[in-house]
Amino acid sequence: YTIAGYFSMHLLLRRYFKIDSAISVALSLVWVFGTFFVNHLPSHFTFVWYMLVPLFVYLSLTAKTYKDWSMLGLAFAVMALSQTHNPFVHISVICATIIAVRLLLSKYKITFLKQVALAGLVFLVVAGHRVFYALQNISQFPREGLVDLAPNLASAIESPFLPFSKANPLGFINYPGHPLIPHGFHEASAYISIGVYVA
């Protein structure tokens, strides 16, 4: 996934944004070794799919033919067959926003809608059952009384500038119940980020 994430970002930057090769390589390395992945992948395996966000963005931005749209639908199907967790929802929202903007700007809206419908059909044929099972699971096992703790906005903004000023340095490991953690996750992310950029 790390290798795929690197090349997906490199593809987006080079092919779509036409960024210089050396800069694209550097940004792609920052992407896959960034704080989010370093901090979350050890305990959230399904989050590896976030590494492929650039690929889905690229496909959503560049799909023109029916074959292209079929590939986008197939990419979503492969992801759904792996997981229908947070990454699936978030990537779907991102791509839906891109597609909606493209639809508004398109001169051939009927053809565009047919192509989007084809992508949806490919997804439903290959992986539609996964969505059904996910919804069934949610209805049978609701998360009652469980609310994840999160730092407030001010704490998140402070975190890179006030290193562990109020938090137990290792307290974030005991998330979410540690009482001394106003912004432990963000501080850890900040330190990891600084190390990555210096490297």
Protein backbone atom coordinates (compact mmCIF):
# COMPACT_ATOMS: atom_id res chain seq x y z
CA TYR A 1 0.00 0.00 0.00
CA THR A 2 2.88 2.37 0.72
CA ILE A 3 4.35 1.79 -2.74
CA ALA A 4 0.93 2.12 -4.37
CA GLY A 5 0.27 5.30 -2.38
CA TYR A 6 3.59 6.77 -3.47
CA PHE A 7 2.96 6.09 -7.16
CA SER A 8 -0.65 7.26 -6.98
CA MET A 9 0.44 10.65 -5.63
CA HIS A 10 3.27 10.81 -8.15
CA LEU A 11 0.77 10.04 -10.93
CA LEU A 12 -1.61 12.77 -9.79
CA LEU A 13 1.13 15.40 -9.45
CA ARG A 14 2.97 14.56 -12.69
CA ARG A 15 0.12 13.65 -15.05
CA TYR A 16 -2.60 16.03 -13.90
CA PHE A 17 -0.86 18.96 -12.22
CA LYS A 18 2.29 18.74 -14.42
CA ILE A 19 4.59 19.28 -11.43
CA ASP A 20 8.37 18.95 -11.81
CA SER A 21 9.57 15.37 -11.34
CA ALA A 22 11.91 16.09 -8.40
CA ILE A 23 9.25 18.05 -6.52
CA SER A 24 6.70 15.34 -7.25
CA VAL A 25 9.01 12.67 -5.83
CA ALA A 26 9.56 14.71 -2.66
CA LEU A 27 5.86 15.43 -2.16
CA SER A 28 4.95 11.79 -2.81
CA LEU A 29 7.41 10.68 -0.12
CA VAL A 30 5.97 13.22 2.31
CA TRP A 31 2.51 11.86 1.47
CA VAL A 32 3.23 8.22 2.31
CA PHE A 33 5.45 8.96 5.33
CA GLY A 34 3.28 11.76 6.67
CA THR A 35 1.95 11.98 10.19
CA PHE A 36 -1.49 10.58 9.53
CA PHE A 37 -0.24 7.23 8.31
CA VAL A 38 2.57 6.92 10.84
CA ASN A 39 0.14 7.66 13.66
CA HIS A 40 -2.87 5.64 12.54
CA LEU A 41 -1.81 2.59 10.54
CA PRO A 42 -0.51 0.56 13.51
CA SER A 43 -4.01 0.43 15.00
CA HIS A 44 -6.26 1.13 11.99
CA PHE A 45 -5.35 -1.29 9.23
CA THR A 46 -8.27 -0.30 6.99
CA PHE A 47 -6.87 3.23 6.87
CA VAL A 48 -4.19 2.09 4.40
CA TRP A 49 -6.75 2.86 1.71
CA TYR A 50 -6.32 6.56 2.44
CA MET A 51 -2.91 6.20 0.79
CA LEU A 52 -4.71 5.67 -2.50
CA VAL A 53 -6.78 8.87 -2.29
CA PRO A 54 -4.63 10.48 -5.03
CA LEU A 55 -5.40 7.60 -7.40
CA PHE A 56 -9.15 7.96 -6.91
CA VAL A 57 -8.88 11.73 -7.29
CA TYR A 58 -6.89 11.27 -10.50
CA LEU A 59 -9.40 8.83 -11.95
CA SER A 60 -12.30 11.14 -11.02
CA LEU A 61 -10.58 14.14 -12.62
CA THR A 62 -9.48 12.46 -15.84
CA ALA A 63 -12.15 9.88 -16.71
CA LYS A 64 -13.45 10.67 -20.21
CA THR A 65 -14.40 7.46 -21.98
CA TYR A 66 -16.73 4.67 -20.93
CA LYS A 67 -13.64 2.53 -20.34
CA ASP A 68 -12.22 5.16 -17.97
CA TRP A 69 -15.44 5.32 -15.98
CA SER A 70 -15.59 1.52 -15.83
CA MET A 71 -12.10 1.57 -14.31
CA LEU A 72 -13.23 4.08 -11.68
CA GLY A 73 -16.21 1.88 -10.80
CA LEU A 74 -13.92 -1.14 -10.62
CA ALA A 75 -11.46 0.73 -8.37
CA PHE A 76 -14.29 1.51 -5.93
CA ALA A 77 -15.42 -2.11 -6.11
CA VAL A 78 -11.94 -3.39 -5.20
CA MET A 79 -11.85 -0.99 -2.25
CA ALA A 80 -15.31 -2.07 -1.09
CA LEU A 81 -14.30 -5.74 -1.29
CA SER A 82 -11.41 -4.89 1.02
CA GLN A 83 -13.30 -2.61 3.43
CA THR A 84 -16.32 -0.31 3.69
CA HIS A 85 -14.90 1.61 6.63
CA ASN A 86 -14.06 5.33 6.95
CA PRO A 87 -11.76 5.48 3.90
CA PHE A 88 -14.50 4.17 1.62
CA VAL A 89 -16.96 6.82 2.84
CA HIS A 90 -14.47 9.70 2.73
CA ILE A 91 -13.02 8.81 -0.68
CA SER A 92 -16.57 8.44 -2.03
CA VAL A 93 -17.46 11.94 -0.80
CA ILE A 94 -14.30 13.44 -2.32
CA CYS A 95 -14.84 11.78 -5.69
CA ALA A 96 -18.57 12.57 -5.71
CA THR A 97 -17.74 16.25 -5.19
CA ILE A 98 -15.26 16.21 -8.08
CA ILE A 99 -17.74 14.42 -10.33
CA ALA A 100 -20.54 16.84 -9.40
CA VAL A 101 -18.36 19.82 -10.33
CA ARG A 102 -17.38 18.15 -13.60
CA LEU A 103 -21.05 17.53 -14.35
CA LEU A 104 -21.91 21.20 -13.81
CA LEU A 105 -19.08 22.24 -16.15
CA SER A 106 -19.75 19.59 -18.79
CA LYS A 107 -21.25 20.55 -22.15
CA TYR A 108 -22.57 17.02 -22.67
CA LYS A 109 -24.41 16.34 -19.44
CA ILE A 110 -26.50 13.39 -20.67
CA THR A 111 -23.43 11.53 -21.94
CA PHE A 112 -21.57 12.38 -18.73
CA LEU A 113 -24.42 11.01 -16.60
CA LYS A 114 -24.48 7.80 -18.65
CA GLN A 115 -20.76 7.36 -18.02
CA VAL A 116 -21.19 7.93 -14.28
CA ALA A 117 -24.09 5.46 -14.29
CA LEU A 118 -21.84 2.88 -15.95
CA ALA A 119 -19.25 3.33 -13.18
CA GLY A 120 -22.01 2.83 -10.61
CA LEU A 121 -23.26 -0.27 -12.41
CA VAL A 122 -19.79 -1.82 -12.52
CA PHE A 123 -19.46 -1.17 -8.79
CA LEU A 124 -22.86 -2.70 -7.98
CA VAL A 125 -22.23 -5.83 -10.05
CA VAL A 126 -18.79 -6.49 -8.55
CA ALA A 127 -19.19 -5.27 -4.96
CA GLY A 128 -22.75 -4.14 -4.33
CA HIS A 129 -23.26 -6.96 -1.86
CA ARG A 130 -20.55 -5.50 0.39
CA VAL A 131 -22.55 -2.32 0.88
CA PHE A 132 -25.60 -4.41 1.73
CA TYR A 133 -23.64 -6.40 4.33
CA ALA A 134 -22.17 -3.21 5.81
CA LEU A 135 -25.61 -1.64 6.23
CA GLN A 136 -26.91 -4.88 7.72
CA ASN A 137 -24.04 -4.93 10.20
CA ILE A 138 -24.66 -1.32 11.21
CA SER A 139 -28.36 -1.99 11.82
CA GLN A 140 -27.67 -5.12 13.88
CA PHE A 141 -24.80 -3.72 15.94
CA PRO A 142 -25.39 -0.01 16.55
CA ARG A 143 -22.73 1.97 18.44
CA GLU A 144 -24.81 3.03 21.41
CA GLY A 145 -23.23 5.18 24.09
CA LEU A 146 -19.81 5.20 22.42
CA VAL A 147 -18.50 8.62 21.47
CA ASP A 148 -14.85 9.00 20.44
CA LEU A 149 -12.98 11.71 22.29
CA ALA A 150 -11.42 14.44 20.16
CA PRO A 151 -9.50 17.61 20.97
CA ASN A 152 -11.18 20.94 20.39
CA LEU A 153 -10.05 23.27 17.60
CA ALA A 154 -7.96 25.53 19.85
CA SER A 155 -6.09 22.53 21.25
CA ALA A 156 -5.42 21.19 17.76
CA ILE A 157 -3.98 24.55 16.68
CA GLU A 158 -1.82 24.79 19.81
CA SER A 159 -0.37 21.31 19.47
CA PRO A 160 2.57 22.02 17.11
CA PHE A 161 3.65 25.01 19.21
CA LEU A 162 3.15 23.73 22.76
CA PRO A 163 4.90 20.35 22.80
CA PHE A 164 3.39 18.18 25.51
CA SER A 165 2.74 21.23 27.65
CA LYS A 166 -0.43 19.72 29.12
CA ALA A 167 -0.36 16.13 27.96
CA ASN A 168 1.31 12.98 29.19
CA PRO A 169 3.86 12.20 26.42
CA LEU A 170 2.79 8.56 26.11
CA GLY A 171 -0.80 9.06 27.10
CA PHE A 172 -2.11 8.97 23.55
CA ILE A 173 -1.36 5.25 23.50
CA ASN A 174 -4.24 4.79 25.95
CA TYR A 175 -6.67 6.68 23.74
CA PRO A 176 -9.57 7.37 24.11
CA GLY A 177 -9.87 7.20 27.88
CA HIS A 178 -6.76 8.99 29.13
CA PRO A 179 -7.75 12.02 31.27
CA LEU A 180 -4.50 13.95 30.70
CA ILE A 181 -4.72 14.21 26.93
CA PRO A 182 -5.98 17.54 25.63
CA HIS A 183 -4.14 17.10 22.33
CA GLY A 184 -1.73 14.18 22.55
CA PHE A 185 -2.45 12.78 19.08
CA HIS A 186 -1.87 16.13 17.40
CA GLU A 187 1.41 16.67 19.24
CA ALA A 188 2.69 13.26 18.21
CA SER A 189 1.69 14.05 14.62
CA ALA A 190 3.54 17.36 14.78
CA TYR A 191 6.76 15.75 15.95
CA ILE A 192 6.60 12.98 13.37
CA SER A 193 5.84 15.56 10.68
CA ILE A 194 8.84 17.72 11.59
CA GLY A 195 11.09 14.66 11.45
CA VAL A 196 9.76 13.70 8.01
CA TYR A 197 10.25 17.16 6.58
CA VAL A 198 13.76 17.45 7.99
CA ALA A 199 14.64 14.02 6.54
